[in-house]
Protein backbone atom coordinates (compact mmCIF):
# COMPACT_ATOMS: atom_id res chain seq x y z
CA MET A 1 0.00 0.00 0.00
CA THR A 2 1.17 3.48 -0.70
CA PRO A 3 1.52 6.09 2.07
CA LYS A 4 -1.34 8.01 0.43
CA LEU A 5 -3.63 5.00 0.79
CA LEU A 6 -2.51 4.40 4.36
CA PHE A 7 -2.60 7.98 5.67
CA GLY A 8 -4.51 10.13 3.19
CA ASP A 9 -3.72 12.83 0.66
CA PHE A 10 -4.95 15.99 -1.00
CA ASP A 11 -6.64 15.55 -4.38
CA ASP A 12 -6.08 17.83 -7.39
CA ALA A 13 -8.72 20.25 -6.08
CA GLY A 14 -6.91 20.55 -2.74
CA GLU A 15 -9.50 18.53 -0.82
CA TRP A 16 -8.24 16.13 1.85
CA HIS A 17 -9.18 12.45 1.73
CA ASP A 18 -8.43 10.21 4.70
CA GLY A 19 -6.51 7.01 4.30
CA ILE A 20 -7.10 3.71 6.06
CA THR A 21 -5.09 4.53 9.19
CA PRO A 22 -6.88 7.74 10.25
CA LYS A 23 -10.22 6.07 9.58
CA LEU A 24 -9.27 3.19 11.88
CA PHE A 25 -7.92 5.55 14.54
CA ARG A 26 -11.14 7.59 14.53
CA GLU A 27 -13.26 4.46 14.71
CA CYS A 28 -11.27 3.28 17.74
CA ASN A 29 -11.50 6.72 19.36
CA GLU A 30 -15.27 6.72 18.97
CA ASP A 31 -15.62 3.27 20.52
CA LYS A 32 -17.11 3.89 23.98
CA SER A 33 -17.19 0.22 24.98
CA ILE A 34 -14.75 -1.32 27.44
CA ASN A 35 -13.18 -3.36 24.62
CA LEU A 36 -9.52 -2.98 23.72
CA ASN A 37 -8.76 -1.96 20.12
CA TRP A 38 -5.80 -3.57 18.37
CA ILE A 39 -4.55 -2.23 15.03
CA PHE A 40 -2.28 -4.59 13.10
CA PHE A 41 0.13 -3.57 10.36
CA ASP A 42 1.21 -6.65 8.44
CA GLY A 43 3.70 -6.64 5.62
CA PRO A 44 7.11 -5.29 4.75
CA VAL A 45 8.30 -2.16 6.52
CA ASP A 46 8.59 0.65 4.02
CA ALA A 47 10.83 3.59 4.95
CA LEU A 48 8.19 6.11 3.87
CA TRP A 49 5.15 4.91 5.79
CA ILE A 50 6.92 3.71 8.92
CA GLU A 51 8.44 7.16 9.48
CA ASN A 52 4.89 8.57 9.45
CA MET A 53 4.23 6.40 12.50
CA ASN A 54 7.03 7.89 14.64
CA THR A 55 4.76 10.37 16.44
CA VAL A 56 2.34 7.54 17.17
CA LEU A 57 5.10 5.42 18.64
CA ASP A 58 6.74 8.10 20.80
CA ASP A 59 5.40 9.63 24.02
CA ASN A 60 2.96 11.88 22.11
CA LYS A 61 0.97 8.87 20.87
CA LYS A 62 -0.59 10.99 18.12
CA LEU A 63 -1.04 10.29 14.44
CA CYS A 64 0.06 13.51 12.69
CA MET A 65 -1.25 13.82 9.16
CA ALA A 66 -0.24 15.99 6.21
CA ASN A 67 -3.40 18.12 6.53
CA GLY A 68 -2.31 19.24 10.03
CA GLU A 69 -4.81 17.09 11.90
CA THR A 70 -3.70 14.90 14.78
CA ILE A 71 -5.51 11.88 16.19
CA LYS A 72 -4.55 10.75 19.68
CA LEU A 73 -4.30 7.10 20.62
CA THR A 74 -6.51 6.24 23.56
CA ASP A 75 -5.46 4.02 26.43
CA LYS A 76 -7.60 1.27 24.90
CA MET A 77 -5.67 1.30 21.60
CA SER A 78 -2.60 -0.78 20.78
CA ILE A 79 -0.62 -1.11 17.56
CA VAL A 80 1.10 -4.30 16.44
CA PHE A 81 3.56 -4.52 13.55
CA GLU A 82 3.91 -8.03 12.13
CA VAL A 83 6.76 -7.69 9.67
CA GLU A 84 9.15 -9.94 7.80
CA ASP A 85 12.23 -7.80 8.43
CA LEU A 86 13.32 -4.35 9.57
CA LEU A 87 15.70 -3.51 6.73
CA GLU A 88 13.92 -0.21 5.92
CA ALA A 89 13.18 0.84 9.50
CA SER A 90 15.36 3.46 11.17
CA PRO A 91 16.96 2.80 14.56
CA ALA A 92 14.57 5.42 16.00
CA THR A 93 11.57 3.45 14.80
CA VAL A 94 12.95 0.15 16.04
CA SER A 95 13.74 1.60 19.47
CA ARG A 96 10.12 2.76 19.89
CA CYS A 97 8.66 -0.71 19.39
CA GLY A 98 8.61 -3.64 21.79
CA MET A 99 9.84 -6.57 19.71
CA VAL A 100 9.13 -10.26 19.73
CA TYR A 101 11.13 -12.26 17.20
CA LEU A 102 9.96 -15.70 16.10
CA GLU A 103 11.93 -17.95 13.78
CA SER A 104 9.73 -19.79 11.34
CA LYS A 105 11.58 -23.02 12.14
CA ASP A 106 10.32 -22.76 15.73
CA LEU A 107 6.67 -22.67 14.73
CA GLN A 108 4.63 -25.72 13.92
CA TRP A 109 2.98 -26.06 10.50
CA ASP A 110 -0.51 -25.50 11.91
CA ALA A 111 0.34 -21.92 12.92
CA PHE A 112 1.10 -21.13 9.28
CA PHE A 113 -1.99 -22.96 8.05
CA ASP A 114 -4.29 -21.25 10.56
CA GLN A 115 -2.96 -17.81 9.58
CA TRP A 116 -3.34 -18.56 5.88
CA PHE A 117 -6.81 -20.04 6.36
CA ASP A 118 -8.06 -17.02 8.35
């Protein structure tokens, strides 16, 4: 996915259109239930979009978008990055994330099947 699709962009007329991430953040912010909200990013880390997440991952916990709007993470929101590698991530980005590393050889075949099937 492109950063424009993930975060949003201005069209040719100068009108802002939200991407997937701000829509999800708003939906989680509007959730008044006691449920926890988990947002998963799955796929390769791209240097462009992951840097847009730095303000979310630091103490501010705000998504800052190109149109000047910010969306604050609530205490009920958590973000999980499930990535293949961190070749494109900066040390700053890596240091902001709690990491769990799993070798594929340590997982049984049914974990892969269940993920694929879902």
